[in-house]
Amino acid sequence: MIDFRHQTFLELCQIKNYTKTAEKLHITQPTVSQHIKHLEEYYGVKLFNYSSKKLNLTEAGKKLYHYTERMSADSREIAKTISNKSSKQNIKFGATLSIGEFVMPDILDQAMEENPELNFDMLVENTATLLQKLKAGEINFAILEGFFDKTKYGYHLFSREKFIGICSADSKLSSKKIKLDELLDSRLILRENGSGTREILEQILYTNNLNPKSFAETLEIGNLNAIKALVSQDKGISFMYQAAAKRDLEADKISALKIKDFNIEREFNFVYLKDSVFAEEYRKYFELFINLRT
C-alpha cells in the first residue's frame, strides 16, 4: 500500500480543491493541508501553487504525481496478486473496439487453451476511457488503436494496420477511383468522440484541410457492427481499420473505397504504465499475443 499522505496528494491532484478532497476522503480540510505540508517538507519542494485562483501542480508536483500514480496502480496489483487464492492467474486488460472485437477473440481463445493457468478479462472501451482506467490501476495494460502520449507510458508496437474507407457493395462509389473531396456529398458515419478510429479519421481529414462537418451529413454511432450494417445498406460511407471490415469485405457486403493518394497505416500499441514494477510480466503477455497472432 502507498502512504496515506500520497493517497491524499493523488486525490488533490485530480480534484484541485482542498475542501472537496477532504469531503471525498472523509477527513477535514486541515488534515489535507497537513498531509501536503508533510510531503513538501519530506521532499524539500513545493508541490502546488495558486495561479488566477486555481490550484496547479508545480514541476516537482507533476513528477511526484507521475510516480505516485504508478505506485498506486502497482500497489493495487500487488494486493490482488497476493490475495488471489485461485490457481489461475487473472489478468485484466483493455482493448479498443476494433481490436477487442475483431483481433483479440481468436488470440485469447488460443492463449487460454494453451495456458490453462491464465484467465484474461478484456474490457472493450475507447482509447480515452482505457487510458483513464490504466492510470487508475483498474486494468493491467491496454491494446490501443488511437493516439496516446508515448512519453508518459511504456509501450510495444503490436502491429501496423491499414485504415480504409468503406461503402456499400452496391454503391456507385464502389467501382471507381475517386479523390477524397469527391466523398463530401456523402453521409459520413463515424465513431463517437474519444474513439481511436475517430481521432485518426479527424487527423487524416485535417491534413487534407477537411473535417467531419465538411461532409453533407454526419451520423455518430458507437458500434462498429451497426456502422457496417448501415454502410452495407448504402446509408452512408465510413472509415475504419481493414481488420474490422475484413469479414464484411470478404462477404461482399461492403467495398473498400478506392481513394487516390490514400494509403494509410496506423499503429496498434500494447500500452502499460511507464516504469511499472510489472513491466517485464506485461512484456510476456505482449509476446504471447504477438506469437499467437503470427
Protein backbone atom coordinates (compact mmCIF):
# COMPACT_ATOMS: atom_id res chain seq x y z
CA MET A 1 0.00 0.00 0.00
CA ILE A 2 1.15 3.54 -0.69
CA ASP A 3 1.40 6.02 2.18
CA PHE A 4 -1.97 7.62 3.08
CA ARG A 5 -0.47 11.07 2.54
CA HIS A 6 0.44 10.15 -1.00
CA GLN A 7 -3.16 8.99 -1.49
CA THR A 8 -4.35 12.42 -0.31
CA PHE A 9 -1.90 14.00 -2.74
CA LEU A 10 -3.28 11.92 -5.63
CA GLU A 11 -6.87 12.92 -4.84
CA LEU A 12 -5.94 16.59 -4.57
CA CYS A 13 -4.13 16.41 -7.93
CA GLN A 14 -7.31 15.11 -9.54
CA ILE A 15 -9.88 17.28 -7.72
CA LYS A 16 -7.78 20.51 -7.46
CA ASN A 17 -9.70 21.65 -4.40
CA TYR A 18 -8.80 21.16 -0.71
CA THR A 19 -12.39 21.21 0.57
CA LYS A 20 -13.74 18.75 -2.00
CA THR A 21 -10.71 16.47 -1.48
CA ALA A 22 -11.43 16.42 2.26
CA GLU A 23 -15.07 15.51 1.56
CA LYS A 24 -14.04 12.74 -0.84
CA LEU A 25 -11.64 11.21 1.69
CA HIS A 26 -13.93 11.84 4.70
CA ILE A 27 -11.28 13.86 6.52
CA THR A 28 -11.02 17.54 7.47
CA GLN A 29 -9.55 20.24 5.25
CA PRO A 30 -6.74 20.99 7.77
CA THR A 31 -5.80 17.29 7.60
CA VAL A 32 -5.48 17.51 3.80
CA SER A 33 -3.24 20.58 4.27
CA GLN A 34 -1.13 18.72 6.85
CA HIS A 35 -0.64 15.75 4.50
CA ILE A 36 0.53 18.01 1.68
CA LYS A 37 2.78 20.02 4.01
CA HIS A 38 4.36 16.78 5.25
CA LEU A 39 5.16 15.69 1.68
CA GLU A 40 6.56 19.11 0.77
CA GLU A 41 8.84 19.04 3.84
CA TYR A 42 9.84 15.43 3.17
CA TYR A 43 10.80 16.08 -0.45
CA GLY A 44 12.01 19.62 0.15
CA VAL A 45 9.92 21.07 -2.69
CA LYS A 46 6.67 22.95 -3.22
CA LEU A 47 4.04 20.70 -4.82
CA PHE A 48 1.23 23.19 -5.54
CA ASN A 49 0.77 26.86 -6.21
CA TYR A 50 -2.17 29.12 -6.98
CA SER A 51 -2.46 30.93 -10.29
CA SER A 52 -5.55 33.03 -11.08
CA LYS A 53 -7.24 31.44 -8.03
CA LYS A 54 -6.65 27.96 -9.49
CA LEU A 55 -4.65 25.23 -7.78
CA ASN A 56 -1.87 23.97 -10.06
CA LEU A 57 0.89 21.42 -9.73
CA THR A 58 4.46 22.67 -9.75
CA GLU A 59 7.03 20.87 -11.91
CA ALA A 60 8.12 18.90 -8.85
CA GLY A 61 4.47 18.14 -8.13
CA LYS A 62 3.98 16.79 -11.65
CA LYS A 63 6.94 14.43 -11.18
CA LEU A 64 5.61 13.19 -7.86
CA TYR A 65 2.15 12.72 -9.36
CA HIS A 66 3.59 10.55 -12.15
CA TYR A 67 5.48 8.28 -9.73
CA THR A 68 2.68 8.16 -7.14
CA GLU A 69 0.10 7.28 -9.78
CA ARG A 70 2.26 4.40 -10.96
CA MET A 71 2.97 3.23 -7.38
CA SER A 72 -0.74 3.32 -6.56
CA ALA A 73 -1.60 1.15 -9.57
CA ASP A 74 1.23 -1.28 -8.80
CA SER A 75 0.15 -1.42 -5.15
CA ARG A 76 -3.37 -2.49 -6.13
CA GLU A 77 -1.97 -5.12 -8.47
CA ILE A 78 0.33 -6.49 -5.75
CA ALA A 79 -2.62 -6.71 -3.34
CA LYS A 80 -4.74 -8.59 -5.90
CA THR A 81 -1.89 -10.98 -6.71
CA ILE A 82 -1.14 -11.80 -3.08
CA SER A 83 -4.80 -12.23 -2.07
CA ASN A 84 -5.62 -14.42 -5.09
CA LYS A 85 -6.25 -17.92 -3.69
CA SER A 86 -7.09 -19.45 -7.05
CA SER A 87 -4.57 -21.46 -9.04
CA LYS A 88 -5.48 -19.30 -12.03
CA GLN A 89 -3.74 -16.02 -12.72
CA ASN A 90 -6.24 -13.26 -13.51
CA ILE A 91 -5.14 -10.61 -16.00
CA LYS A 92 -7.46 -7.70 -16.66
CA PHE A 93 -6.67 -5.61 -19.70
CA GLY A 94 -8.34 -3.24 -22.10
CA ALA A 95 -8.71 -3.11 -25.87
CA THR A 96 -10.24 -0.54 -28.15
CA LEU A 97 -13.30 -1.59 -30.12
CA SER A 98 -11.66 -2.59 -33.41
CA ILE A 99 -9.03 -4.64 -31.59
CA GLY A 100 -11.29 -6.09 -28.91
CA GLU A 101 -13.96 -7.24 -31.32
CA PHE A 102 -12.01 -8.22 -34.43
CA VAL A 103 -8.41 -9.03 -33.40
CA MET A 104 -8.26 -10.36 -29.83
CA PRO A 105 -11.02 -13.03 -29.59
CA ASP A 106 -9.11 -15.70 -31.55
CA ILE A 107 -5.85 -14.80 -29.76
CA LEU A 108 -7.44 -15.05 -26.30
CA ASP A 109 -9.18 -18.31 -27.12
CA GLN A 110 -5.89 -19.90 -28.12
CA ALA A 111 -3.92 -18.25 -25.28
CA MET A 112 -6.19 -19.68 -22.59
CA GLU A 113 -6.39 -23.07 -24.28
CA GLU A 114 -2.60 -23.36 -24.35
CA ASN A 115 -2.16 -21.73 -20.91
CA PRO A 116 -4.98 -23.02 -18.66
CA GLU A 117 -3.45 -21.25 -15.64
CA LEU A 118 -4.20 -17.86 -17.25
CA ASN A 119 -7.58 -16.15 -17.15
CA PHE A 120 -7.91 -13.00 -19.26
CA ASP A 121 -10.63 -10.45 -18.61
CA MET A 122 -10.86 -7.99 -21.52
CA LEU A 123 -12.58 -4.61 -21.20
CA VAL A 124 -13.56 -3.07 -24.54
CA GLU A 125 -13.73 0.73 -24.44
CA ASN A 126 -12.49 3.75 -26.36
CA THR A 127 -8.91 4.99 -26.08
CA ALA A 128 -9.61 7.86 -23.67
CA THR A 129 -11.50 5.63 -21.22
CA LEU A 130 -8.86 2.90 -21.29
CA LEU A 131 -6.05 5.34 -20.55
CA GLN A 132 -8.02 6.64 -17.54
CA LYS A 133 -8.58 3.09 -16.26
CA LEU A 134 -4.91 2.26 -16.83
CA LYS A 135 -3.83 5.24 -14.71
CA ALA A 136 -6.37 4.32 -12.05
CA GLY A 137 -4.97 0.78 -11.84
CA GLU A 138 -8.26 -0.78 -12.97
CA ILE A 139 -6.57 -2.64 -15.84
CA ASN A 140 -3.04 -4.00 -16.19
CA PHE A 141 -2.41 -2.93 -19.76
CA ALA A 142 -4.26 -1.91 -22.90
CA ILE A 143 -4.02 -2.54 -26.63
CA LEU A 144 -4.85 0.74 -28.32
CA GLU A 145 -5.59 1.86 -31.85
CA GLY A 146 -5.59 5.57 -31.00
CA PHE A 147 -3.09 8.27 -30.19
CA PHE A 148 -1.50 8.48 -26.74
CA ASP A 149 1.41 10.38 -25.22
CA LYS A 150 4.32 7.98 -25.69
CA THR A 151 6.45 9.95 -23.22
CA LYS A 152 4.06 9.01 -20.39
CA TYR A 153 3.60 5.28 -20.98
CA GLY A 154 5.55 2.14 -21.60
CA TYR A 155 4.54 0.53 -24.88
CA HIS A 156 5.40 -2.05 -27.56
CA LEU A 157 4.29 -1.95 -31.18
CA PHE A 158 1.60 -4.60 -31.57
CA SER A 159 1.03 -4.26 -35.32
CA ARG A 160 0.57 -1.85 -38.21
CA GLU A 161 -2.91 -1.84 -39.69
CA LYS A 162 -4.40 -0.41 -42.88
CA PHE A 163 -7.02 2.29 -42.42
CA ILE A 164 -9.60 2.32 -45.21
CA GLY A 165 -12.79 3.97 -46.40
CA ILE A 166 -15.81 1.74 -46.97
CA CYS A 167 -19.07 1.95 -48.89
CA SER A 168 -21.88 -0.40 -49.86
CA ALA A 169 -21.02 -3.07 -52.41
CA ASP A 170 -23.98 -1.69 -54.39
CA SER A 171 -22.83 1.92 -54.19
CA LYS A 172 -21.84 3.76 -57.34
CA LEU A 173 -18.67 4.70 -55.41
CA SER A 174 -17.51 1.07 -55.18
CA SER A 175 -16.38 0.75 -58.78
CA LYS A 176 -14.40 3.91 -59.38
CA LYS A 177 -11.27 5.63 -58.17
CA ILE A 178 -12.03 8.95 -56.55
CA LYS A 179 -10.44 11.83 -54.70
CA LEU A 180 -11.14 12.31 -51.01
CA ASP A 181 -13.03 15.56 -51.57
CA GLU A 182 -15.38 13.78 -54.00
CA LEU A 183 -16.87 11.99 -50.99
CA LEU A 184 -18.10 15.19 -49.34
CA ASP A 185 -21.62 14.81 -50.78
CA SER A 186 -21.99 11.54 -48.87
CA ARG A 187 -23.29 10.92 -45.36
CA LEU A 188 -20.30 10.18 -43.12
CA ILE A 189 -20.97 7.57 -40.43
CA LEU A 190 -18.35 7.90 -37.71
CA ARG A 191 -17.49 6.71 -34.22
CA GLU A 192 -18.01 8.69 -31.02
CA ASN A 193 -15.56 11.24 -29.61
CA GLY A 194 -12.74 9.55 -27.65
CA SER A 195 -12.56 6.66 -30.11
CA GLY A 196 -9.16 5.94 -31.66
CA THR A 197 -10.79 5.38 -35.05
CA ARG A 198 -12.47 8.79 -34.82
CA GLU A 199 -9.23 10.54 -33.82
CA ILE A 200 -7.31 9.02 -36.73
CA LEU A 201 -10.01 9.93 -39.23
CA GLU A 202 -10.11 13.51 -37.96
CA GLN A 203 -6.32 13.78 -38.26
CA ILE A 204 -6.42 12.49 -41.85
CA LEU A 205 -9.19 14.94 -42.73
CA TYR A 206 -7.31 17.79 -41.06
CA THR A 207 -4.19 17.15 -43.15
CA ASN A 208 -6.45 17.50 -46.21
CA ASN A 209 -7.97 20.77 -44.91
CA LEU A 210 -11.22 18.97 -44.09
CA ASN A 211 -13.19 17.87 -41.01
CA PRO A 212 -16.35 15.80 -40.40
CA LYS A 213 -18.51 18.90 -40.88
CA SER A 214 -17.17 19.15 -44.43
CA PHE A 215 -19.49 16.25 -45.34
CA ALA A 216 -23.08 16.80 -46.39
CA GLU A 217 -24.31 14.93 -43.32
CA THR A 218 -22.80 13.03 -40.40
CA LEU A 219 -24.13 10.24 -38.21
CA GLU A 220 -22.35 9.23 -35.00
CA ILE A 221 -22.58 5.61 -33.81
CA GLY A 222 -20.54 3.83 -31.15
CA ASN A 223 -20.90 0.30 -32.52
CA LEU A 224 -18.79 -0.87 -35.46
CA ASN A 225 -21.18 -3.63 -36.49
CA ALA A 226 -24.02 -1.11 -36.64
CA ILE A 227 -21.85 1.19 -38.76
CA LYS A 228 -21.03 -1.63 -41.19
CA ALA A 229 -24.69 -2.64 -41.38
CA LEU A 230 -25.71 0.89 -42.34
CA VAL A 231 -22.89 1.15 -44.87
CA SER A 232 -23.89 -2.18 -46.43
CA GLN A 233 -27.41 -0.77 -46.86
CA ASP A 234 -25.93 2.22 -48.69
CA LYS A 235 -26.93 4.62 -45.90
CA GLY A 236 -23.53 6.31 -45.93
CA ILE A 237 -19.78 5.78 -46.01
CA SER A 238 -17.35 5.26 -43.17
CA PHE A 239 -13.69 4.75 -42.31
CA MET A 240 -12.20 2.03 -40.16
CA TYR A 241 -9.34 -0.43 -39.88
CA GLN A 242 -9.25 -3.13 -42.53
CA ALA A 243 -9.12 -5.74 -39.74
CA ALA A 244 -12.54 -4.57 -38.53
CA ALA A 245 -14.03 -4.69 -42.03
CA LYS A 246 -12.35 -7.90 -43.22
CA ARG A 247 -15.27 -10.35 -42.91
CA ASP A 248 -17.80 -7.99 -44.48
CA LEU A 249 -15.39 -7.23 -47.32
CA GLU A 250 -14.89 -10.95 -47.95
CA ALA A 251 -18.67 -11.48 -47.89
CA ASP A 252 -19.12 -8.67 -50.45
CA LYS A 253 -21.44 -6.78 -48.10
CA ILE A 254 -19.25 -3.71 -48.34
CA SER A 255 -16.43 -2.48 -50.59
CA ALA A 256 -13.21 -0.64 -49.87
CA LEU A 257 -13.26 2.84 -51.34
CA LYS A 258 -10.56 3.42 -53.97
CA ILE A 259 -9.35 6.83 -52.83
CA LYS A 260 -6.44 8.43 -54.69
CA ASP A 261 -3.30 9.00 -52.59
CA PHE A 262 -4.96 7.33 -49.60
CA ASN A 263 -2.56 4.68 -48.35
CA ILE A 264 -2.88 4.97 -44.59
CA GLU A 265 -1.38 2.70 -41.95
CA ARG A 266 -1.55 3.25 -38.22
CA GLU A 267 -0.11 1.52 -35.17
CA PHE A 268 -1.83 -0.76 -32.71
CA ASN A 269 0.15 -0.49 -29.47
CA PHE A 270 0.42 -2.57 -26.31
CA VAL A 271 0.45 0.08 -23.55
CA TYR A 272 1.13 -0.02 -19.80
CA LEU A 273 2.15 2.40 -17.07
CA LYS A 274 5.69 3.65 -17.56
CA ASP A 275 8.26 2.26 -15.07
CA SER A 276 5.75 -0.20 -13.61
CA VAL A 277 7.33 -2.93 -11.48
CA PHE A 278 5.25 -5.36 -13.56
CA ALA A 279 6.69 -4.18 -16.89
CA GLU A 280 8.56 -7.45 -17.54
CA GLU A 281 5.49 -9.53 -16.74
CA TYR A 282 3.38 -7.43 -19.11
CA ARG A 283 6.01 -7.91 -21.81
CA LYS A 284 5.48 -11.68 -21.53
CA TYR A 285 1.77 -11.24 -22.29
CA PHE A 286 2.66 -8.97 -25.20
CA GLU A 287 4.97 -11.65 -26.63
CA LEU A 288 2.33 -14.33 -26.06
CA PHE A 289 -0.27 -12.33 -28.02
CA ILE A 290 2.17 -11.49 -30.81
CA ASN A 291 3.25 -15.12 -31.23
CA LEU A 292 -0.35 -16.32 -31.38
CA ARG A 293 -1.30 -13.71 -33.95
CA THR A 294 1.51 -14.69 -36.32
